[in-house]
Amino acid sequence: MKVNCPILSIDYSLAPKAPFPRAIEEVYYAYCWALKNLERLGTTGERIVFAGDSAGANLNSGVIVKCIEEGIPIPHGILNIYGIYNVGFLISPSGSLTLIDPMLPFGLTSN
């Protein structure tokens, strides 16, 4: 499948070897480099979209916050899939499943 646009994938460092906020900084610096090197990447940068799932979705959000704080242009779009933004227990069908979920036990999500 041809998409006719460059795709930049960041191989960021993983925790716990590289503690927070290392991964956010690496993705942020890669984004800043890309903004300064659009021609080398074969694009005008007219439309930039971040996409990520799980930890990548959280990194996208963290990088956008850092861009806002630093006055760097934010991407034109963001596609976050399965990002985890609130690990508190909520009364909901999925929240209730933590009562029996061995991977995400209630104690981890309780406030």
Protein backbone atom coordinates (compact mmCIF):
# COMPACT_ATOMS: atom_id res chain seq x y z
CA MET A 1 0.00 0.00 0.00
CA LYS A 2 1.44 3.37 -1.03
CA VAL A 3 0.58 6.38 1.14
CA ASN A 4 2.56 9.09 -0.69
CA CYS A 5 3.93 10.65 2.46
CA PRO A 6 6.99 10.15 4.64
CA ILE A 7 6.54 8.21 7.87
CA LEU A 8 8.93 8.88 10.72
CA SER A 9 9.02 6.18 13.38
CA ILE A 10 10.90 6.91 16.61
CA ASP A 11 12.72 4.08 18.38
CA TYR A 12 12.56 5.64 21.85
CA SER A 13 14.23 4.28 24.99
CA LEU A 14 12.16 2.07 27.26
CA ALA A 15 11.58 2.20 31.01
CA PRO A 16 12.76 1.16 33.52
CA LYS A 17 16.25 1.35 31.96
CA ALA A 18 15.47 4.88 30.75
CA PRO A 19 13.22 6.51 33.38
CA PHE A 20 10.57 9.16 32.76
CA PRO A 21 10.72 11.63 31.01
CA ARG A 22 13.45 10.20 28.75
CA ALA A 23 11.12 8.76 26.07
CA ILE A 24 9.09 11.98 25.85
CA GLU A 25 12.29 13.99 25.43
CA GLU A 26 13.58 11.67 22.70
CA VAL A 27 10.33 11.88 20.71
CA TYR A 28 10.15 15.64 21.26
CA TYR A 29 13.71 16.18 20.00
CA ALA A 30 13.06 13.93 17.01
CA TYR A 31 9.93 15.98 16.20
CA CYS A 32 11.89 19.24 16.51
CA TRP A 33 14.59 17.82 14.21
CA ALA A 34 11.92 16.78 11.71
CA LEU A 35 10.41 20.28 11.72
CA LYS A 36 13.82 21.74 10.85
CA ASN A 37 14.51 19.09 8.18
CA LEU A 38 11.21 18.79 6.32
CA GLU A 39 12.87 19.03 2.89
CA ARG A 40 15.31 16.23 3.76
CA LEU A 41 12.32 14.10 4.75
CA GLY A 42 10.62 14.79 1.43
CA THR A 43 7.71 16.84 2.73
CA THR A 44 6.55 20.41 3.16
CA GLY A 45 5.12 19.69 6.61
CA GLU A 46 1.77 21.06 5.47
CA ARG A 47 0.06 18.25 7.40
CA ILE A 48 1.77 16.48 10.27
CA VAL A 49 -0.05 13.78 12.21
CA PHE A 50 1.10 11.89 15.30
CA ALA A 51 -0.11 8.31 15.61
CA GLY A 52 0.53 5.85 18.40
CA ASP A 53 -1.04 3.14 20.46
CA SER A 54 -0.71 2.29 24.14
CA ALA A 55 2.55 3.83 25.38
CA GLY A 56 2.94 5.58 22.02
CA ALA A 57 -0.40 7.31 22.54
CA ASN A 58 0.74 8.57 25.93
CA LEU A 59 4.05 9.74 24.43
CA ASN A 60 2.17 11.65 21.73
CA SER A 61 0.18 13.48 24.38
CA GLY A 62 3.28 14.22 26.46
CA VAL A 63 5.14 15.58 23.43
CA ILE A 64 2.24 17.84 22.50
CA VAL A 65 2.16 19.24 26.04
CA LYS A 66 5.92 19.86 25.82
CA CYS A 67 5.48 21.58 22.43
CA ILE A 68 2.84 23.89 23.90
CA GLU A 69 5.10 24.69 26.87
CA GLU A 70 8.09 25.41 24.59
CA GLY A 71 6.18 27.29 21.87
CA ILE A 72 6.87 24.66 19.18
CA PRO A 73 4.17 24.18 16.51
CA ILE A 74 1.96 21.22 17.37
CA PRO A 75 0.98 18.61 14.77
CA HIS A 76 -2.15 19.14 12.72
CA GLY A 77 -3.67 15.89 13.91
CA ILE A 78 -3.24 13.15 16.46
CA LEU A 79 -4.40 9.54 16.42
CA ASN A 80 -4.07 8.02 19.89
CA ILE A 81 -5.21 4.42 20.27
CA TYR A 82 -5.55 2.75 23.68
CA GLY A 83 -3.76 5.49 25.58
CA ILE A 84 -4.01 5.24 29.36
CA TYR A 85 -4.73 8.64 30.87
CA ASN A 86 -6.50 7.81 34.13
CA VAL A 87 -5.64 4.67 36.06
CA GLY A 88 -8.14 5.39 38.81
CA PHE A 89 -10.99 2.96 39.44
CA LEU A 90 -14.22 4.05 37.79
CA ILE A 91 -17.64 2.48 38.13
CA SER A 92 -17.95 1.13 34.60
CA PRO A 93 -18.00 -2.29 32.95
CA SER A 94 -14.30 -2.09 32.09
CA GLY A 95 -13.45 -0.61 35.51
CA SER A 96 -15.31 -3.45 37.23
CA LEU A 97 -13.23 -6.00 35.34
CA THR A 98 -10.18 -4.95 37.38
CA LEU A 99 -11.74 -6.80 40.30
CA ILE A 100 -10.93 -10.10 38.55
CA ASP A 101 -8.18 -9.07 36.10
CA PRO A 102 -4.82 -10.69 36.96
CA MET A 103 -2.88 -8.25 34.74
CA LEU A 104 -4.37 -5.00 36.09
CA PRO A 105 -5.53 -5.76 39.63
CA PHE A 106 -7.87 -3.51 41.60
CA GLY A 107 -5.12 -2.45 44.01
CA LEU A 108 -3.17 -0.85 41.18
CA THR A 109 -6.11 1.21 39.99
CA SER A 110 -7.55 2.19 43.37
CA ASN A 111 -6.90 5.70 44.62
